[in-house]
């Protein structure tokens, strides 16, 4: 039986914004805001905590909107990855063993010649088949912390 080339396992992937990640961030900050007011602290401390939570939410949403440094990626036949940066440049990278893939998200740690990148890919930021292919491709290239999709 002939196996397909590794690049056939993982087509070019361009993750889109994740609605579930946005909801998670909003819920976490809302719970922090409620916790700031649901305790016995002094009023000035509750206000300080509320302002801190609001600033944190503003910072997270701003970073989330502006931090798409990697526009897409694809597995090459030699097992390395081609990254397409938001500037339009293509660079080669390798996936580090600290990358994680599970049924809900993939966290990639990538190393290029002169820089490291981290890329969080929630399940809803790709088509279901593409997300599955990404997880399978990570197994093929030997990332240690990937759970076998066949066991789920």
N, C-alpha and C. Protein backbone atom coordinates (compact mmCIF):
# COMPACT_ATOMS: atom_id res chain seq x y z
N UNK A 1 0.84 -1.18 0.00
CA UNK A 1 0.00 0.00 0.00
C UNK A 1 0.89 1.24 0.00
N UNK A 2 0.64 2.15 -0.93
CA UNK A 2 1.41 3.39 -1.00
C UNK A 2 0.79 4.43 -0.09
N UNK A 3 1.62 5.01 0.77
CA UNK A 3 1.16 6.09 1.63
C UNK A 3 1.25 7.40 0.87
N UNK A 4 0.33 8.33 1.10
CA UNK A 4 0.43 9.63 0.45
C UNK A 4 1.61 10.41 1.01
N UNK A 5 2.06 11.37 0.22
CA UNK A 5 3.14 12.22 0.72
C UNK A 5 2.66 12.95 1.97
N UNK A 6 3.61 13.32 2.82
CA UNK A 6 3.26 14.00 4.07
C UNK A 6 2.49 15.29 3.81
N UNK A 7 2.84 16.02 2.76
CA UNK A 7 2.15 17.29 2.50
C UNK A 7 0.70 17.06 2.12
N UNK A 8 0.37 15.86 1.59
CA UNK A 8 -1.02 15.57 1.27
C UNK A 8 -1.84 15.41 2.54
N UNK A 9 -1.19 15.06 3.65
CA UNK A 9 -1.90 14.93 4.92
C UNK A 9 -2.34 16.27 5.46
N UNK A 10 -1.61 17.30 5.15
CA UNK A 10 -1.90 18.61 5.72
C UNK A 10 -1.82 19.67 4.62
N UNK A 11 -2.95 20.06 4.04
CA UNK A 11 -2.93 21.10 3.02
C UNK A 11 -2.59 22.45 3.65
N UNK A 12 -2.48 23.47 2.84
CA UNK A 12 -2.23 24.81 3.36
C UNK A 12 -3.36 25.19 4.31
N UNK A 13 -3.01 25.60 5.51
CA UNK A 13 -3.99 25.95 6.54
C UNK A 13 -3.89 27.43 6.87
N UNK A 14 -5.01 28.11 6.82
CA UNK A 14 -5.07 29.53 7.18
C UNK A 14 -6.17 29.69 8.24
N UNK A 15 -5.80 29.59 9.53
CA UNK A 15 -6.81 29.67 10.59
C UNK A 15 -7.54 31.01 10.58
N UNK A 16 -8.84 30.94 10.85
CA UNK A 16 -9.66 32.15 10.97
C UNK A 16 -9.89 32.43 12.46
N UNK A 17 -10.38 33.60 12.82
CA UNK A 17 -10.62 33.91 14.23
C UNK A 17 -11.57 32.90 14.87
N UNK A 18 -11.31 32.57 16.12
CA UNK A 18 -12.08 31.57 16.84
C UNK A 18 -13.14 32.24 17.72
N UNK A 19 -14.39 31.86 17.51
CA UNK A 19 -15.47 32.40 18.33
C UNK A 19 -15.44 31.79 19.74
N UNK A 20 -15.07 30.52 19.83
CA UNK A 20 -15.04 29.88 21.15
C UNK A 20 -13.93 30.48 22.02
N UNK A 21 -12.79 30.85 21.43
CA UNK A 21 -11.73 31.50 22.20
C UNK A 21 -12.18 32.87 22.68
N UNK A 22 -12.86 33.61 21.82
CA UNK A 22 -13.37 34.94 22.22
C UNK A 22 -14.36 34.81 23.37
N UNK A 23 -15.25 33.83 23.29
CA UNK A 23 -16.22 33.62 24.37
C UNK A 23 -15.53 33.20 25.65
N UNK A 24 -14.52 32.34 25.55
CA UNK A 24 -13.77 31.92 26.73
C UNK A 24 -13.09 33.12 27.40
N UNK A 25 -12.46 33.97 26.61
CA UNK A 25 -11.79 35.15 27.17
C UNK A 25 -12.78 36.09 27.85
N UNK A 26 -13.92 36.31 27.20
CA UNK A 26 -14.94 37.17 27.81
C UNK A 26 -15.48 36.56 29.10
N UNK A 27 -15.74 35.25 29.10
CA UNK A 27 -16.27 34.59 30.30
C UNK A 27 -15.25 34.63 31.44
N UNK A 28 -13.99 34.39 31.15
CA UNK A 28 -12.96 34.41 32.19
C UNK A 28 -12.85 35.80 32.81
N UNK A 29 -12.90 36.84 31.99
CA UNK A 29 -12.81 38.19 32.51
C UNK A 29 -14.09 38.58 33.26
N UNK A 30 -15.24 38.13 32.78
CA UNK A 30 -16.49 38.41 33.49
C UNK A 30 -16.49 37.76 34.87
N UNK A 31 -16.00 36.52 34.95
CA UNK A 31 -15.92 35.84 36.25
C UNK A 31 -14.94 36.55 37.18
N UNK A 32 -13.84 37.04 36.64
CA UNK A 32 -12.88 37.78 37.46
C UNK A 32 -13.50 39.08 37.98
N UNK A 33 -14.29 39.74 37.14
CA UNK A 33 -14.97 40.97 37.56
C UNK A 33 -15.98 40.68 38.68
N UNK A 34 -16.76 39.62 38.50
CA UNK A 34 -17.74 39.24 39.53
C UNK A 34 -17.02 38.86 40.83
N UNK A 35 -15.92 38.15 40.72
CA UNK A 35 -15.17 37.75 41.92
C UNK A 35 -14.62 38.97 42.65
N UNK A 36 -14.24 40.00 41.91
CA UNK A 36 -13.72 41.21 42.55
C UNK A 36 -14.79 41.88 43.41
N UNK A 37 -16.04 41.78 43.01
CA UNK A 37 -17.13 42.43 43.74
C UNK A 37 -17.82 41.50 44.74
N UNK A 38 -17.59 40.20 44.64
CA UNK A 38 -18.30 39.24 45.50
C UNK A 38 -17.50 38.86 46.74
N UNK A 39 -16.58 39.69 47.14
CA UNK A 39 -15.79 39.39 48.34
C UNK A 39 -15.89 40.56 49.32
N UNK A 40 -15.20 40.45 50.42
CA UNK A 40 -15.32 41.44 51.50
C UNK A 40 -14.21 42.49 51.49
N UNK A 41 -13.64 42.76 50.34
CA UNK A 41 -12.57 43.75 50.26
C UNK A 41 -13.12 45.17 50.38
N UNK A 42 -12.23 46.09 50.66
CA UNK A 42 -12.61 47.51 50.71
C UNK A 42 -13.07 47.95 49.32
N UNK A 43 -13.91 48.98 49.27
CA UNK A 43 -14.44 49.47 48.00
C UNK A 43 -13.33 49.90 47.05
N UNK A 44 -12.32 50.62 47.56
CA UNK A 44 -11.24 51.09 46.69
C UNK A 44 -10.48 49.92 46.07
N UNK A 45 -10.35 48.81 46.80
CA UNK A 45 -9.66 47.64 46.27
C UNK A 45 -10.51 46.94 45.22
N UNK A 46 -11.84 46.89 45.44
CA UNK A 46 -12.73 46.32 44.44
C UNK A 46 -12.68 47.12 43.14
N UNK A 47 -12.64 48.46 43.28
CA UNK A 47 -12.53 49.31 42.09
C UNK A 47 -11.21 49.09 41.36
N UNK A 48 -10.14 48.97 42.13
CA UNK A 48 -8.83 48.73 41.53
C UNK A 48 -8.80 47.40 40.78
N UNK A 49 -9.37 46.36 41.39
CA UNK A 49 -9.44 45.05 40.73
C UNK A 49 -10.31 45.11 39.48
N UNK A 50 -11.41 45.84 39.54
CA UNK A 50 -12.30 45.96 38.38
C UNK A 50 -11.60 46.66 37.22
N UNK A 51 -10.87 47.72 37.54
CA UNK A 51 -10.12 48.43 36.50
C UNK A 51 -9.04 47.51 35.92
N UNK A 52 -8.38 46.74 36.76
CA UNK A 52 -7.34 45.81 36.30
C UNK A 52 -7.93 44.75 35.36
N UNK A 53 -9.09 44.23 35.71
CA UNK A 53 -9.75 43.23 34.85
C UNK A 53 -10.14 43.87 33.52
N UNK A 54 -10.68 45.08 33.56
CA UNK A 54 -11.07 45.77 32.33
C UNK A 54 -9.86 46.04 31.44
N UNK A 55 -8.75 46.47 32.04
CA UNK A 55 -7.53 46.70 31.26
C UNK A 55 -6.98 45.40 30.68
N UNK A 56 -7.07 44.33 31.45
CA UNK A 56 -6.63 43.03 30.95
C UNK A 56 -7.47 42.59 29.75
N UNK A 57 -8.78 42.74 29.85
CA UNK A 57 -9.65 42.39 28.73
C UNK A 57 -9.34 43.23 27.51
N UNK A 58 -9.16 44.51 27.69
CA UNK A 58 -8.82 45.40 26.57
C UNK A 58 -7.50 44.95 25.93
N UNK A 59 -6.50 44.65 26.75
CA UNK A 59 -5.20 44.22 26.23
C UNK A 59 -5.31 42.89 25.47
N UNK A 60 -6.04 41.93 26.03
CA UNK A 60 -6.19 40.62 25.39
C UNK A 60 -6.91 40.75 24.05
N UNK A 61 -7.98 41.52 24.02
CA UNK A 61 -8.72 41.69 22.76
C UNK A 61 -7.90 42.44 21.72
N UNK A 62 -7.14 43.43 22.17
CA UNK A 62 -6.27 44.17 21.24
C UNK A 62 -5.18 43.26 20.67
N UNK A 63 -4.55 42.47 21.53
CA UNK A 63 -3.52 41.53 21.08
C UNK A 63 -4.11 40.48 20.14
N UNK A 64 -5.29 40.00 20.47
CA UNK A 64 -5.94 38.98 19.65
C UNK A 64 -6.26 39.53 18.26
N UNK A 65 -6.63 40.79 18.18
CA UNK A 65 -6.97 41.40 16.90
C UNK A 65 -5.74 41.72 16.06
N UNK A 66 -4.61 42.00 16.71
CA UNK A 66 -3.43 42.47 15.98
C UNK A 66 -2.27 41.49 15.92
N UNK A 67 -2.42 40.30 16.50
CA UNK A 67 -1.25 39.44 16.62
C UNK A 67 -1.24 38.27 15.65
N UNK A 68 -1.82 38.44 14.50
CA UNK A 68 -1.82 37.36 13.52
C UNK A 68 -0.53 37.43 12.70
N UNK A 69 0.58 37.16 13.37
CA UNK A 69 1.88 37.22 12.69
C UNK A 69 2.00 36.11 11.66
N UNK A 70 1.40 34.95 11.96
CA UNK A 70 1.43 33.83 11.03
C UNK A 70 0.06 33.74 10.37
N UNK A 71 0.03 33.90 9.05
CA UNK A 71 -1.23 33.86 8.32
C UNK A 71 -1.63 32.44 7.95
N UNK A 72 -0.66 31.55 7.79
CA UNK A 72 -0.96 30.18 7.41
C UNK A 72 0.27 29.31 7.50
N UNK A 73 0.07 28.00 7.36
CA UNK A 73 1.18 27.07 7.43
C UNK A 73 0.85 25.82 6.63
N UNK A 74 1.92 25.10 6.24
CA UNK A 74 1.75 23.86 5.49
C UNK A 74 2.94 22.95 5.76
N UNK A 75 2.65 21.66 5.90
CA UNK A 75 3.69 20.65 6.06
C UNK A 75 4.33 20.37 4.72
N UNK A 76 5.67 20.42 4.66
CA UNK A 76 6.40 20.10 3.44
C UNK A 76 6.74 18.61 3.44
N UNK A 77 7.01 18.03 2.27
CA UNK A 77 7.31 16.59 2.19
C UNK A 77 8.50 16.15 3.05
N UNK A 78 9.44 17.05 3.33
CA UNK A 78 10.61 16.67 4.14
C UNK A 78 10.33 16.72 5.64
N UNK A 79 9.11 17.04 6.05
CA UNK A 79 8.75 17.07 7.47
C UNK A 79 8.89 18.44 8.10
N UNK A 80 9.43 19.42 7.38
CA UNK A 80 9.48 20.79 7.91
C UNK A 80 8.17 21.49 7.55
N UNK A 81 8.00 22.67 8.07
CA UNK A 81 6.77 23.42 7.84
C UNK A 81 7.09 24.73 7.16
N UNK A 82 6.23 25.14 6.26
CA UNK A 82 6.35 26.43 5.60
C UNK A 82 5.33 27.36 6.24
N UNK A 83 5.82 28.47 6.77
CA UNK A 83 4.95 29.47 7.39
C UNK A 83 4.76 30.63 6.43
N UNK A 84 3.55 31.08 6.29
CA UNK A 84 3.27 32.30 5.55
C UNK A 84 2.98 33.37 6.58
N UNK A 85 3.87 34.36 6.63
CA UNK A 85 3.69 35.46 7.58
C UNK A 85 2.66 36.45 7.06
N UNK A 86 2.11 37.25 7.93
CA UNK A 86 1.11 38.23 7.52
C UNK A 86 1.71 39.27 6.57
N UNK A 87 3.04 39.41 6.57
CA UNK A 87 3.71 40.32 5.64
C UNK A 87 3.78 39.74 4.23
N UNK A 88 3.42 38.45 4.08
CA UNK A 88 3.46 37.80 2.77
C UNK A 88 4.71 36.95 2.56
N UNK A 89 5.67 37.05 3.48
CA UNK A 89 6.90 36.26 3.36
C UNK A 89 6.63 34.81 3.73
N UNK A 90 7.31 33.89 3.05
CA UNK A 90 7.27 32.47 3.40
C UNK A 90 8.60 32.10 4.04
N UNK A 91 8.54 31.44 5.20
CA UNK A 91 9.76 31.01 5.87
C UNK A 91 9.60 29.56 6.31
N UNK A 92 10.71 28.86 6.39
CA UNK A 92 10.70 27.47 6.81
C UNK A 92 10.87 27.40 8.32
N UNK A 93 10.15 26.47 8.94
CA UNK A 93 10.22 26.31 10.39
C UNK A 93 10.13 24.83 10.74
N UNK A 94 10.58 24.53 11.96
CA UNK A 94 10.36 23.18 12.46
C UNK A 94 9.51 23.27 13.71
N UNK A 95 8.71 22.23 13.93
CA UNK A 95 7.84 22.16 15.10
C UNK A 95 8.65 21.62 16.26
N UNK A 96 8.58 22.28 17.39
CA UNK A 96 9.29 21.83 18.57
C UNK A 96 8.46 20.80 19.33
N UNK A 97 9.13 19.95 20.08
CA UNK A 97 8.47 18.89 20.83
C UNK A 97 7.55 19.38 21.92
N UNK A 98 7.62 20.66 22.26
CA UNK A 98 6.74 21.20 23.30
C UNK A 98 5.36 21.56 22.75
N UNK A 99 5.15 21.32 21.46
CA UNK A 99 3.83 21.58 20.87
C UNK A 99 2.81 20.60 21.43
N UNK A 100 1.57 21.03 21.48
CA UNK A 100 0.49 20.23 22.06
C UNK A 100 -0.66 20.18 21.07
N UNK A 101 -1.26 19.02 20.95
CA UNK A 101 -2.47 18.89 20.13
C UNK A 101 -3.45 18.00 20.88
N UNK A 102 -4.65 18.47 21.02
CA UNK A 102 -5.70 17.67 21.62
C UNK A 102 -6.98 17.92 20.84
N UNK A 103 -8.08 17.30 21.20
CA UNK A 103 -9.30 17.48 20.40
C UNK A 103 -9.87 18.90 20.38
N UNK A 104 -9.44 19.76 21.29
CA UNK A 104 -10.01 21.10 21.38
C UNK A 104 -9.13 22.18 20.77
N UNK A 105 -7.83 22.01 20.81
CA UNK A 105 -6.92 23.02 20.26
C UNK A 105 -5.57 22.40 19.93
N UNK A 106 -4.81 23.13 19.11
CA UNK A 106 -3.42 22.78 18.83
C UNK A 106 -2.59 24.00 19.20
N UNK A 107 -1.56 23.78 19.98
CA UNK A 107 -0.62 24.84 20.32
C UNK A 107 0.72 24.47 19.70
N UNK A 108 1.11 25.24 18.69
CA UNK A 108 2.36 24.96 17.98
C UNK A 108 3.46 25.87 18.49
N UNK A 109 4.60 25.29 18.77
CA UNK A 109 5.82 26.04 19.04
C UNK A 109 6.73 25.79 17.84
N UNK A 110 7.05 26.86 17.14
CA UNK A 110 7.79 26.77 15.89
C UNK A 110 9.12 27.49 16.01
N UNK A 111 10.14 26.93 15.39
CA UNK A 111 11.48 27.53 15.41
C UNK A 111 11.93 27.77 13.97
N UNK A 112 12.27 29.03 13.65
CA UNK A 112 12.88 29.34 12.37
C UNK A 112 14.36 29.56 12.62
N UNK A 113 15.07 30.02 11.61
CA UNK A 113 16.51 30.26 11.80
C UNK A 113 16.79 31.28 12.89
N UNK A 114 15.97 32.33 12.97
CA UNK A 114 16.27 33.38 13.94
C UNK A 114 15.13 33.76 14.87
N UNK A 115 14.05 33.00 14.90
CA UNK A 115 12.95 33.41 15.76
C UNK A 115 12.09 32.20 16.13
N UNK A 116 11.47 32.30 17.31
CA UNK A 116 10.48 31.30 17.73
C UNK A 116 9.10 31.91 17.64
N UNK A 117 8.15 31.09 17.25
CA UNK A 117 6.76 31.51 17.17
C UNK A 117 5.91 30.55 17.97
N UNK A 118 4.82 31.05 18.53
CA UNK A 118 3.79 30.22 19.14
C UNK A 118 2.50 30.52 18.40
N UNK A 119 1.74 29.46 18.14
CA UNK A 119 0.50 29.62 17.39
C UNK A 119 -0.58 28.75 18.03
N UNK A 120 -1.62 29.38 18.56
CA UNK A 120 -2.75 28.67 19.13
C UNK A 120 -3.81 28.53 18.05
N UNK A 121 -4.22 27.29 17.79
CA UNK A 121 -5.24 27.02 16.78
C UNK A 121 -6.40 26.28 17.44
N UNK A 122 -7.44 27.02 17.87
CA UNK A 122 -8.62 26.34 18.42
C UNK A 122 -9.34 25.55 17.33
N UNK A 123 -10.08 24.55 17.74
CA UNK A 123 -10.74 23.65 16.79
C UNK A 123 -11.65 24.40 15.84
N UNK A 124 -12.34 25.44 16.30
CA UNK A 124 -13.29 26.13 15.42
C UNK A 124 -12.64 27.17 14.51
N UNK A 125 -11.31 27.28 14.53
CA UNK A 125 -10.66 28.23 13.63
C UNK A 125 -10.28 27.58 12.29
N UNK A 126 -10.50 26.27 12.18
CA UNK A 126 -10.27 25.54 10.93
C UNK A 126 -11.51 24.70 10.63
N UNK A 127 -11.64 24.31 9.38
CA UNK A 127 -12.68 23.34 9.02
C UNK A 127 -12.39 22.05 9.77
N UNK A 128 -13.41 21.29 10.17
CA UNK A 128 -13.17 20.07 10.94
C UNK A 128 -12.19 19.10 10.29
N UNK A 129 -12.29 18.92 8.98
CA UNK A 129 -11.38 18.00 8.30
C UNK A 129 -9.94 18.53 8.32
N UNK A 130 -9.77 19.85 8.16
CA UNK A 130 -8.43 20.44 8.20
C UNK A 130 -7.82 20.33 9.60
N UNK A 131 -8.65 20.52 10.64
CA UNK A 131 -8.15 20.39 12.01
C UNK A 131 -7.68 18.96 12.26
N UNK A 132 -8.45 17.98 11.80
CA UNK A 132 -8.07 16.57 11.95
C UNK A 132 -6.78 16.29 11.18
N UNK A 133 -6.67 16.82 9.98
CA UNK A 133 -5.45 16.62 9.18
C UNK A 133 -4.22 17.23 9.85
N UNK A 134 -4.40 18.38 10.47
CA UNK A 134 -3.29 19.00 11.19
C UNK A 134 -2.84 18.10 12.33
N UNK A 135 -3.77 17.58 13.09
CA UNK A 135 -3.41 16.68 14.20
C UNK A 135 -2.71 15.42 13.69
N UNK A 136 -3.21 14.85 12.60
CA UNK A 136 -2.58 13.66 12.02
C UNK A 136 -1.18 14.00 11.52
N UNK A 137 -1.03 15.15 10.88
CA UNK A 137 0.30 15.55 10.38
C UNK A 137 1.28 15.70 11.53
N UNK A 138 0.83 16.19 12.68
CA UNK A 138 1.72 16.32 13.83
C UNK A 138 2.15 14.95 14.35
N UNK A 139 1.26 13.97 14.26
CA UNK A 139 1.63 12.61 14.64
C UNK A 139 2.67 12.06 13.67
N UNK A 140 2.48 12.32 12.37
CA UNK A 140 3.39 11.81 11.34
C UNK A 140 4.80 12.38 11.53
N UNK A 141 4.89 13.68 11.87
CA UNK A 141 6.22 14.27 12.05
C UNK A 141 6.77 14.02 13.44
N UNK A 142 6.00 13.37 14.31
CA UNK A 142 6.54 12.90 15.57
C UNK A 142 6.52 13.88 16.72
N UNK A 143 5.52 14.75 16.79
CA UNK A 143 5.41 15.61 17.95
C UNK A 143 4.89 14.76 19.11
N UNK A 144 5.60 14.79 20.23
CA UNK A 144 5.37 13.84 21.31
C UNK A 144 4.03 13.97 22.01
N UNK A 145 3.53 15.18 22.22
CA UNK A 145 2.34 15.36 23.05
C UNK A 145 1.03 15.32 22.28
N UNK A 146 1.02 14.68 21.12
CA UNK A 146 -0.19 14.59 20.32
C UNK A 146 -0.88 13.27 20.65
N UNK A 147 -2.15 13.37 21.00
CA UNK A 147 -2.92 12.15 21.25
C UNK A 147 -3.36 11.57 19.91
N UNK A 148 -3.38 10.28 19.82
CA UNK A 148 -3.78 9.60 18.59
C UNK A 148 -5.25 9.87 18.31
N UNK A 149 -5.60 10.47 17.15
CA UNK A 149 -6.99 10.77 16.87
C UNK A 149 -7.85 9.52 16.73
N UNK A 150 -7.26 8.39 16.42
CA UNK A 150 -8.03 7.16 16.27
C UNK A 150 -8.53 6.65 17.62
N UNK A 151 -7.90 7.10 18.71
CA UNK A 151 -8.30 6.62 20.04
C UNK A 151 -9.40 7.47 20.65
N UNK A 152 -9.96 8.40 19.90
CA UNK A 152 -10.98 9.30 20.46
C UNK A 152 -12.34 8.98 19.93
